[in-house]
């Protein structure tokens, strides 16, 4: 695709991953600031391959679109609350609209396509992340980073544990 690509190189331990965490909003800088224009969507490859062990693989990928995932979670919590008020249901309707706007109704199919593209067999899509082999978990997290069609994509060592086919897929 088009756009700019930047590489960050340096010796082990010099702070590359820390800098990426600051850019991604996971750490606060000790000086200066990081700002994104409103409406810019940021995707980032998370390095903790074991953070989602009990979560369904498709859900891990869909979590990559934070706004969509949060809208669905809040909506579902309202529907699950037996004491929800009319005001709550109005909020749920608003969230339903946001969910649709974010592509929520086709999200699972899109997540499945991404997973197939990086070599995760369809038989594993509905199972928990704990069923995915350690070397392949990074691929699921890569699909998560790509899921929201981000304007800015931060990849910290993205080709670790990827075979040549998956590296070529990522380049495309």
N, C-alpha and C. Protein backbone atom coordinates (compact mmCIF):
# COMPACT_ATOMS: atom_id res chain seq x y z
N UNK A 1 0.81 -1.20 0.00
CA UNK A 1 0.00 0.00 0.00
C UNK A 1 0.84 1.24 0.00
N UNK A 2 0.19 2.38 -0.11
CA UNK A 2 0.89 3.66 -0.12
C UNK A 2 1.21 4.11 1.29
N UNK A 3 1.73 5.32 1.38
CA UNK A 3 2.04 5.88 2.69
C UNK A 3 3.51 5.73 3.01
N UNK A 4 3.87 6.27 4.14
CA UNK A 4 5.25 6.25 4.58
C UNK A 4 5.51 5.06 5.50
N UNK A 5 6.74 4.59 5.45
CA UNK A 5 7.19 3.53 6.35
C UNK A 5 8.48 4.01 6.98
N UNK A 6 8.56 3.87 8.28
CA UNK A 6 9.75 4.28 9.00
C UNK A 6 10.28 3.10 9.79
N UNK A 7 11.58 2.98 9.87
CA UNK A 7 12.21 1.93 10.66
C UNK A 7 12.95 2.55 11.82
N UNK A 8 12.95 1.85 12.92
CA UNK A 8 13.65 2.29 14.12
C UNK A 8 14.69 1.23 14.43
N UNK A 9 15.96 1.62 14.36
CA UNK A 9 17.02 0.65 14.60
C UNK A 9 17.89 1.12 15.75
N UNK A 10 18.50 0.17 16.41
CA UNK A 10 19.40 0.48 17.52
C UNK A 10 19.82 -0.80 18.21
N UNK A 11 20.81 -0.68 19.07
CA UNK A 11 21.33 -1.84 19.80
C UNK A 11 20.29 -2.37 20.78
N UNK A 12 20.45 -3.63 21.15
CA UNK A 12 19.57 -4.21 22.16
C UNK A 12 19.65 -3.39 23.44
N UNK A 13 18.50 -3.12 24.04
CA UNK A 13 18.46 -2.41 25.31
C UNK A 13 18.56 -0.90 25.22
N UNK A 14 18.54 -0.34 24.00
CA UNK A 14 18.71 1.12 23.88
C UNK A 14 17.39 1.88 24.01
N UNK A 15 16.26 1.16 24.09
CA UNK A 15 14.99 1.86 24.32
C UNK A 15 14.02 1.86 23.16
N UNK A 16 14.25 1.03 22.15
CA UNK A 16 13.35 1.00 20.99
C UNK A 16 11.93 0.60 21.40
N UNK A 17 11.81 -0.48 22.15
CA UNK A 17 10.48 -0.94 22.57
C UNK A 17 9.81 0.06 23.51
N UNK A 18 10.59 0.68 24.38
CA UNK A 18 10.05 1.71 25.27
C UNK A 18 9.52 2.88 24.46
N UNK A 19 10.27 3.30 23.46
CA UNK A 19 9.84 4.39 22.59
C UNK A 19 8.53 4.02 21.88
N UNK A 20 8.45 2.78 21.40
CA UNK A 20 7.22 2.33 20.72
C UNK A 20 6.04 2.34 21.69
N UNK A 21 6.27 1.97 22.95
CA UNK A 21 5.20 1.99 23.95
C UNK A 21 4.75 3.42 24.23
N UNK A 22 5.67 4.35 24.21
CA UNK A 22 5.32 5.76 24.40
C UNK A 22 4.49 6.24 23.20
N UNK A 23 4.92 5.91 21.99
CA UNK A 23 4.16 6.30 20.80
C UNK A 23 2.76 5.70 20.81
N UNK A 24 2.63 4.47 21.30
CA UNK A 24 1.35 3.77 21.33
C UNK A 24 0.47 4.13 22.51
N UNK A 25 0.95 5.00 23.39
CA UNK A 25 0.14 5.42 24.52
C UNK A 25 0.15 4.48 25.71
N UNK A 26 1.02 3.48 25.70
CA UNK A 26 1.09 2.54 26.81
C UNK A 26 1.95 3.06 27.95
N UNK A 27 2.88 3.97 27.65
CA UNK A 27 3.74 4.60 28.65
C UNK A 27 3.70 6.11 28.46
N UNK A 28 3.86 6.83 29.57
CA UNK A 28 3.94 8.29 29.51
C UNK A 28 5.39 8.69 29.29
N UNK A 29 5.63 9.66 28.41
CA UNK A 29 7.01 10.13 28.23
C UNK A 29 7.47 10.91 29.45
N UNK A 30 8.77 10.87 29.74
CA UNK A 30 9.30 11.65 30.87
C UNK A 30 9.40 13.12 30.51
N UNK A 31 9.44 13.42 29.21
CA UNK A 31 9.39 14.81 28.76
C UNK A 31 8.78 14.82 27.36
N UNK A 32 8.25 15.96 26.96
CA UNK A 32 7.62 16.07 25.66
C UNK A 32 6.24 15.42 25.66
N UNK A 33 5.66 15.26 24.47
CA UNK A 33 4.35 14.63 24.37
C UNK A 33 4.18 13.99 23.01
N UNK A 34 3.20 13.13 22.92
CA UNK A 34 2.84 12.47 21.67
C UNK A 34 1.40 12.84 21.39
N UNK A 35 1.12 13.29 20.18
CA UNK A 35 -0.26 13.64 19.86
C UNK A 35 -0.61 13.12 18.47
N UNK A 36 -1.86 12.69 18.34
CA UNK A 36 -2.41 12.25 17.06
C UNK A 36 -3.54 13.19 16.69
N UNK A 37 -3.68 13.47 15.42
CA UNK A 37 -4.81 14.27 14.98
C UNK A 37 -6.10 13.53 15.30
N UNK A 38 -7.18 14.27 15.61
CA UNK A 38 -8.46 13.61 15.88
C UNK A 38 -8.89 12.74 14.69
N UNK A 39 -9.43 11.59 15.00
CA UNK A 39 -9.91 10.70 13.95
C UNK A 39 -8.85 9.76 13.39
N UNK A 40 -7.60 9.94 13.79
CA UNK A 40 -6.53 9.04 13.33
C UNK A 40 -6.59 7.76 14.16
N UNK A 41 -6.68 6.64 13.47
CA UNK A 41 -6.76 5.35 14.16
C UNK A 41 -5.36 4.74 14.24
N UNK A 42 -5.00 4.32 15.46
CA UNK A 42 -3.68 3.77 15.73
C UNK A 42 -3.81 2.27 15.98
N UNK A 43 -3.02 1.49 15.28
CA UNK A 43 -2.95 0.05 15.53
C UNK A 43 -1.57 -0.28 16.05
N UNK A 44 -1.49 -1.22 16.98
CA UNK A 44 -0.18 -1.58 17.50
C UNK A 44 -0.11 -3.08 17.76
N UNK A 45 1.03 -3.63 17.44
CA UNK A 45 1.29 -5.04 17.69
C UNK A 45 1.73 -5.18 19.13
N UNK A 46 0.94 -5.89 19.90
CA UNK A 46 1.28 -6.12 21.31
C UNK A 46 2.26 -7.29 21.39
N UNK A 47 3.22 -7.17 22.29
CA UNK A 47 4.25 -8.20 22.41
C UNK A 47 3.90 -9.30 23.40
N UNK A 48 2.92 -9.08 24.29
CA UNK A 48 2.58 -10.10 25.28
C UNK A 48 1.70 -11.17 24.65
N UNK A 49 2.32 -12.22 24.17
CA UNK A 49 1.61 -13.27 23.44
C UNK A 49 0.67 -14.08 24.33
N UNK A 50 0.83 -13.99 25.64
CA UNK A 50 0.04 -14.84 26.54
C UNK A 50 -1.01 -14.05 27.33
N UNK A 51 -1.30 -12.83 26.91
CA UNK A 51 -2.23 -11.97 27.64
C UNK A 51 -3.70 -12.33 27.43
N UNK A 52 -3.99 -13.16 26.43
CA UNK A 52 -5.39 -13.41 26.06
C UNK A 52 -5.74 -14.90 26.10
N UNK A 53 -5.09 -15.68 26.93
CA UNK A 53 -5.21 -17.13 26.90
C UNK A 53 -6.64 -17.66 26.98
N UNK A 54 -7.51 -17.02 27.76
CA UNK A 54 -8.88 -17.52 27.94
C UNK A 54 -9.88 -16.91 26.97
N UNK A 55 -9.40 -16.10 26.04
CA UNK A 55 -10.30 -15.37 25.13
C UNK A 55 -10.32 -16.06 23.77
N UNK A 56 -11.51 -16.11 23.18
CA UNK A 56 -11.70 -16.71 21.85
C UNK A 56 -10.82 -15.97 20.83
N UNK A 57 -10.18 -16.71 19.96
CA UNK A 57 -9.23 -16.16 18.98
C UNK A 57 -9.88 -15.05 18.15
N UNK A 58 -11.08 -15.27 17.62
CA UNK A 58 -11.75 -14.23 16.83
C UNK A 58 -11.96 -12.96 17.65
N UNK A 59 -12.29 -13.11 18.93
CA UNK A 59 -12.50 -11.94 19.80
C UNK A 59 -11.20 -11.18 20.02
N UNK A 60 -10.09 -11.90 20.17
CA UNK A 60 -8.79 -11.24 20.34
C UNK A 60 -8.53 -10.33 19.14
N UNK A 61 -8.80 -10.82 17.95
CA UNK A 61 -8.59 -10.02 16.74
C UNK A 61 -9.52 -8.81 16.75
N UNK A 62 -10.80 -9.02 17.03
CA UNK A 62 -11.77 -7.92 16.99
C UNK A 62 -11.49 -6.87 18.06
N UNK A 63 -10.80 -7.24 19.13
CA UNK A 63 -10.41 -6.27 20.16
C UNK A 63 -9.47 -5.20 19.59
N UNK A 64 -8.90 -5.49 18.42
CA UNK A 64 -8.02 -4.52 17.77
C UNK A 64 -8.74 -3.25 17.34
N UNK A 65 -10.05 -3.31 17.22
CA UNK A 65 -10.84 -2.09 16.95
C UNK A 65 -11.46 -1.69 18.29
N UNK A 66 -10.70 -0.91 19.05
CA UNK A 66 -11.07 -0.62 20.43
C UNK A 66 -12.44 0.03 20.56
N UNK A 67 -12.75 0.98 19.69
CA UNK A 67 -14.04 1.67 19.78
C UNK A 67 -15.20 0.70 19.56
N UNK A 68 -15.08 -0.16 18.55
CA UNK A 68 -16.12 -1.13 18.26
C UNK A 68 -16.28 -2.10 19.42
N UNK A 69 -15.15 -2.58 19.94
CA UNK A 69 -15.17 -3.56 21.03
C UNK A 69 -15.81 -2.95 22.28
N UNK A 70 -15.45 -1.71 22.60
CA UNK A 70 -16.02 -1.06 23.79
C UNK A 70 -17.51 -0.81 23.62
N UNK A 71 -17.93 -0.41 22.42
CA UNK A 71 -19.37 -0.18 22.17
C UNK A 71 -20.15 -1.47 22.35
N UNK A 72 -19.62 -2.58 21.85
CA UNK A 72 -20.30 -3.87 21.98
C UNK A 72 -20.36 -4.31 23.44
N UNK A 73 -19.27 -4.12 24.17
CA UNK A 73 -19.23 -4.54 25.58
C UNK A 73 -20.22 -3.73 26.42
N UNK A 74 -20.27 -2.42 26.19
CA UNK A 74 -21.21 -1.58 26.95
C UNK A 74 -22.65 -1.93 26.60
N UNK A 75 -22.92 -2.12 25.31
CA UNK A 75 -24.26 -2.51 24.85
C UNK A 75 -24.68 -3.83 25.47
N UNK A 76 -23.80 -4.82 25.43
CA UNK A 76 -24.11 -6.14 25.96
C UNK A 76 -24.35 -6.10 27.47
N UNK A 77 -23.60 -5.24 28.17
CA UNK A 77 -23.79 -5.10 29.62
C UNK A 77 -25.18 -4.53 29.93
N UNK A 78 -25.64 -3.60 29.11
CA UNK A 78 -26.98 -3.04 29.30
C UNK A 78 -28.03 -4.12 29.08
N UNK A 79 -27.90 -4.87 28.00
CA UNK A 79 -28.87 -5.93 27.70
C UNK A 79 -28.87 -7.02 28.77
N UNK A 80 -27.73 -7.26 29.40
CA UNK A 80 -27.62 -8.31 30.42
C UNK A 80 -28.11 -7.85 31.79
N UNK A 81 -28.34 -6.55 31.95
CA UNK A 81 -28.76 -6.00 33.23
C UNK A 81 -30.28 -6.08 33.37
N UNK A 82 -30.79 -6.92 34.27
CA UNK A 82 -32.25 -7.03 34.42
C UNK A 82 -32.90 -5.75 34.96
N UNK A 83 -32.10 -4.86 35.51
CA UNK A 83 -32.64 -3.61 36.06
C UNK A 83 -32.38 -2.41 35.15
N UNK A 84 -32.08 -2.67 33.88
CA UNK A 84 -31.81 -1.58 32.93
C UNK A 84 -33.05 -0.71 32.78
N UNK A 85 -32.82 0.58 32.67
CA UNK A 85 -33.91 1.56 32.55
C UNK A 85 -34.16 1.90 31.09
N UNK A 86 -35.22 2.65 30.84
CA UNK A 86 -35.49 3.12 29.48
C UNK A 86 -34.31 3.95 28.97
N UNK A 87 -33.73 4.74 29.87
CA UNK A 87 -32.57 5.55 29.51
C UNK A 87 -31.39 4.65 29.09
N UNK A 88 -31.21 3.55 29.83
CA UNK A 88 -30.16 2.59 29.48
C UNK A 88 -30.40 2.01 28.09
N UNK A 89 -31.66 1.68 27.80
CA UNK A 89 -31.98 1.10 26.49
C UNK A 89 -31.80 2.12 25.37
N UNK A 90 -32.01 3.40 25.67
CA UNK A 90 -31.73 4.44 24.68
C UNK A 90 -30.22 4.49 24.40
N UNK A 91 -29.44 4.36 25.46
CA UNK A 91 -27.98 4.33 25.31
C UNK A 91 -27.57 3.09 24.50
N UNK A 92 -28.21 1.96 24.77
CA UNK A 92 -27.91 0.73 24.02
C UNK A 92 -28.20 0.92 22.54
N UNK A 93 -29.28 1.61 22.22
CA UNK A 93 -29.63 1.86 20.82
C UNK A 93 -28.56 2.74 20.16
N UNK A 94 -28.08 3.73 20.91
CA UNK A 94 -27.01 4.60 20.41
C UNK A 94 -25.73 3.78 20.16
N UNK A 95 -25.42 2.89 21.10
CA UNK A 95 -24.24 2.03 20.96
C UNK A 95 -24.39 1.07 19.78
N UNK A 96 -25.62 0.61 19.56
CA UNK A 96 -25.90 -0.28 18.42
C UNK A 96 -25.56 0.43 17.11
N UNK A 97 -25.91 1.72 17.04
CA UNK A 97 -25.58 2.52 15.85
C UNK A 97 -24.09 2.67 15.66
N UNK A 98 -23.37 2.93 16.76
CA UNK A 98 -21.91 3.05 16.69
C UNK A 98 -21.28 1.73 16.25
N UNK A 99 -21.79 0.64 16.83
CA UNK A 99 -21.28 -0.69 16.50
C UNK A 99 -21.42 -0.96 15.00
N UNK A 100 -22.58 -0.61 14.46
CA UNK A 100 -22.82 -0.78 13.02
C UNK A 100 -21.89 0.12 12.21
N UNK A 101 -21.73 1.36 12.65
CA UNK A 101 -20.86 2.32 11.96
C UNK A 101 -19.41 1.83 11.91
N UNK A 102 -18.99 1.16 12.98
CA UNK A 102 -17.62 0.63 13.05
C UNK A 102 -17.46 -0.69 12.29
N UNK A 103 -18.54 -1.19 11.69
CA UNK A 103 -18.45 -2.44 10.94
C UNK A 103 -18.61 -3.68 11.79
N UNK A 104 -19.27 -3.54 12.93
CA UNK A 104 -19.41 -4.65 13.86
C UNK A 104 -20.12 -5.86 13.31
N UNK A 105 -21.07 -5.65 12.40
CA UNK A 105 -21.85 -6.78 11.91
C UNK A 105 -21.11 -7.64 10.89
N UNK A 106 -20.00 -7.13 10.38
CA UNK A 106 -19.17 -7.94 9.48
C UNK A 106 -17.79 -8.21 10.10
N UNK A 107 -17.64 -7.82 11.35
CA UNK A 107 -16.34 -7.90 12.03
C UNK A 107 -15.81 -9.33 12.13
N UNK A 108 -16.68 -10.26 12.47
CA UNK A 108 -16.22 -11.63 12.67
C UNK A 108 -15.70 -12.23 11.35
N UNK A 109 -16.39 -11.95 10.26
CA UNK A 109 -15.95 -12.45 8.94
C UNK A 109 -14.60 -11.82 8.57
N UNK A 110 -14.46 -10.52 8.82
CA UNK A 110 -13.21 -9.83 8.52
C UNK A 110 -12.07 -10.39 9.37
N UNK A 111 -12.35 -10.62 10.66
CA UNK A 111 -11.33 -11.19 11.55
C UNK A 111 -10.91 -12.58 11.05
N UNK A 112 -11.88 -13.36 10.62
CA UNK A 112 -11.59 -14.70 10.10
C UNK A 112 -10.71 -14.65 8.87
N UNK A 113 -10.97 -13.70 7.98
CA UNK A 113 -10.15 -13.54 6.77
C UNK A 113 -8.71 -13.20 7.13
N UNK A 114 -8.55 -12.28 8.09
CA UNK A 114 -7.20 -11.91 8.53
C UNK A 114 -6.47 -13.12 9.10
N UNK A 115 -7.17 -13.89 9.94
CA UNK A 115 -6.55 -15.07 10.55
C UNK A 115 -6.14 -16.09 9.50
N UNK A 116 -6.99 -16.32 8.52
CA UNK A 116 -6.64 -17.25 7.44
C UNK A 116 -5.44 -16.73 6.66
N UNK A 117 -5.39 -15.41 6.44
CA UNK A 117 -4.29 -14.80 5.69
C UNK A 117 -2.94 -14.99 6.35
N UNK A 118 -2.92 -15.10 7.67
CA UNK A 118 -1.64 -15.30 8.36
C UNK A 118 -1.46 -16.75 8.80
N UNK A 119 -2.31 -17.63 8.28
CA UNK A 119 -2.08 -19.05 8.47
C UNK A 119 -2.70 -19.69 9.70
N UNK A 120 -3.63 -19.01 10.37
CA UNK A 120 -4.31 -19.62 11.52
C UNK A 120 -5.49 -20.42 10.97
N UNK A 121 -5.49 -21.75 11.14
CA UNK A 121 -6.56 -22.57 10.56
C UNK A 121 -7.93 -22.25 11.15
N UNK A 122 -8.95 -22.37 10.33
CA UNK A 122 -10.31 -22.01 10.72
C UNK A 122 -10.77 -22.79 11.96
N UNK A 123 -10.24 -23.98 12.15
CA UNK A 123 -10.62 -24.80 13.30
C UNK A 123 -10.24 -24.14 14.63
N UNK A 124 -9.28 -23.22 14.60
CA UNK A 124 -8.84 -22.56 15.83
C UNK A 124 -9.53 -21.23 16.08
N UNK A 125 -10.29 -20.72 15.14
CA UNK A 125 -10.87 -19.38 15.26
C UNK A 125 -11.84 -19.26 16.43
N UNK A 126 -12.62 -20.30 16.70
CA UNK A 126 -13.62 -20.22 17.77
C UNK A 126 -13.10 -20.69 19.12
N UNK A 127 -11.88 -21.21 19.15
CA UNK A 127 -11.32 -21.70 20.40
C UNK A 127 -10.56 -20.61 21.14
N UNK A 128 -10.13 -20.91 22.37
CA UNK A 128 -9.37 -19.92 23.15
C UNK A 128 -7.94 -19.78 22.63
N UNK A 129 -7.32 -18.66 22.94
CA UNK A 129 -5.93 -18.43 22.53
C UNK A 129 -5.00 -19.48 23.10
N UNK A 130 -5.36 -20.08 24.23
CA UNK A 130 -4.50 -21.11 24.83
C UNK A 130 -4.32 -22.31 23.90
N UNK A 131 -5.22 -22.49 22.93
CA UNK A 131 -5.11 -23.59 21.97
C UNK A 131 -4.17 -23.27 20.81
N UNK A 132 -3.74 -22.02 20.70
CA UNK A 132 -2.85 -21.60 19.61
C UNK A 132 -1.40 -21.80 20.07
N UNK A 133 -0.60 -22.43 19.23
CA UNK A 133 0.80 -22.70 19.57
C UNK A 133 1.54 -21.39 19.82
N UNK A 134 2.48 -21.39 20.79
CA UNK A 134 3.18 -20.15 21.16
C UNK A 134 3.74 -19.37 19.98
N UNK A 135 4.37 -20.02 19.02
CA UNK A 135 4.93 -19.30 17.88
C UNK A 135 3.88 -18.66 16.99
N UNK A 136 2.63 -19.10 17.10
CA UNK A 136 1.55 -18.60 16.25
C UNK A 136 0.72 -17.53 16.93
N UNK A 137 0.86 -17.38 18.24
CA UNK A 137 0.08 -16.36 18.96
C UNK A 137 0.40 -14.96 18.44
N UNK A 138 1.68 -14.74 18.08
CA UNK A 138 2.07 -13.43 17.56
C UNK A 138 1.31 -13.11 16.28
N UNK A 139 1.02 -14.13 15.49
CA UNK A 139 0.25 -13.92 14.26
C UNK A 139 -1.15 -13.41 14.59
N UNK A 140 -1.76 -13.97 15.63
CA UNK A 140 -3.09 -13.51 16.03
C UNK A 140 -3.01 -12.05 16.47
N UNK A 141 -1.97 -11.71 17.23
CA UNK A 141 -1.81 -10.32 17.67
C UNK A 141 -1.53 -9.39 16.49
N UNK A 142 -0.88 -9.90 15.47
CA UNK A 142 -0.66 -9.12 14.25
C UNK A 142 -2.00 -8.85 13.56
N UNK A 143 -2.85 -9.87 13.49
CA UNK A 143 -4.19 -9.67 12.92
C UNK A 143 -4.96 -8.65 13.75
N UNK A 144 -4.79 -8.68 15.07
CA UNK A 144 -5.44 -7.71 15.95
C UNK A 144 -4.99 -6.28 15.60
N UNK A 145 -3.70 -6.10 15.40
CA UNK A 145 -3.15 -4.78 15.08
C UNK A 145 -3.68 -4.26 13.75
N UNK A 146 -3.91 -5.16 12.80
CA UNK A 146 -4.37 -4.77 11.46
C UNK A 146 -5.88 -4.62 11.37
N UNK A 147 -6.61 -5.15 12.34
CA UNK A 147 -8.05 -5.30 12.23
C UNK A 147 -8.82 -4.00 11.99
N UNK A 148 -8.41 -2.92 12.62
CA UNK A 148 -9.19 -1.67 12.52
C UNK A 148 -8.81 -0.83 11.30
N UNK A 149 -8.01 -1.39 10.38
CA UNK A 149 -7.51 -0.62 9.24
C UNK A 149 -6.88 0.68 9.73
N UNK A 150 -5.87 0.58 10.59
CA UNK A 150 -5.32 1.79 11.21
C UNK A 150 -4.64 2.72 10.21
N UNK A 151 -4.67 4.00 10.54
CA UNK A 151 -3.96 5.01 9.76
C UNK A 151 -2.47 4.95 10.09
N UNK A 152 -2.17 4.63 11.35
CA UNK A 152 -0.80 4.50 11.83
C UNK A 152 -0.69 3.12 12.46
N UNK A 153 0.31 2.37 12.05
CA UNK A 153 0.50 1.01 12.55
C UNK A 153 1.88 0.91 13.17
N UNK A 154 1.93 0.60 14.47
CA UNK A 154 3.20 0.44 15.18
C UNK A 154 3.50 -1.04 15.32
N UNK A 155 4.60 -1.47 14.76
CA UNK A 155 4.99 -2.88 14.80
C UNK A 155 6.35 -2.99 15.46
N UNK A 156 6.41 -3.62 16.61
CA UNK A 156 7.66 -3.83 17.33
C UNK A 156 8.09 -5.27 17.08
N UNK A 157 9.10 -5.45 16.25
CA UNK A 157 9.61 -6.76 15.85
C UNK A 157 8.50 -7.65 15.28
N UNK A 158 7.82 -7.19 14.24
CA UNK A 158 6.65 -7.91 13.74
C UNK A 158 6.94 -9.23 13.05
N UNK A 159 8.17 -9.44 12.59
CA UNK A 159 8.43 -10.68 11.85
C UNK A 159 8.97 -11.80 12.75
N UNK A 160 9.10 -11.54 14.05
CA UNK A 160 9.49 -12.62 14.96
C UNK A 160 8.47 -13.74 14.86
N UNK A 161 8.93 -14.96 14.75
CA UNK A 161 8.07 -16.16 14.71
C UNK A 161 7.18 -16.24 13.47
N UNK A 162 7.46 -15.48 12.42
CA UNK A 162 6.69 -15.60 11.18
C UNK A 162 7.52 -16.34 10.14
N UNK A 163 6.86 -17.18 9.35
CA UNK A 163 7.55 -17.83 8.25
C UNK A 163 7.58 -16.88 7.05
N UNK A 164 8.29 -17.26 6.01
CA UNK A 164 8.47 -16.37 4.85
C UNK A 164 7.14 -16.03 4.17
N UNK A 165 6.21 -17.01 4.11
CA UNK A 165 4.89 -16.77 3.51
C UNK A 165 4.16 -15.67 4.27
N UNK A 166 4.20 -15.73 5.60
CA UNK A 166 3.49 -14.72 6.40
C UNK A 166 4.18 -13.37 6.34
N UNK A 167 5.50 -13.36 6.23
CA UNK A 167 6.23 -12.09 6.08
C UNK A 167 5.83 -11.42 4.77
N UNK A 168 5.73 -12.21 3.69
CA UNK A 168 5.29 -11.64 2.40
C UNK A 168 3.86 -11.14 2.50
N UNK A 169 3.00 -11.88 3.20
CA UNK A 169 1.60 -11.45 3.39
C UNK A 169 1.56 -10.12 4.12
N UNK A 170 2.39 -9.97 5.16
CA UNK A 170 2.44 -8.72 5.92
C UNK A 170 2.92 -7.57 5.04
N UNK A 171 3.92 -7.82 4.21
CA UNK A 171 4.43 -6.77 3.32
C UNK A 171 3.36 -6.28 2.36
N UNK A 172 2.50 -7.18 1.90
CA UNK A 172 1.43 -6.80 0.97
C UNK A 172 0.37 -6.00 1.69
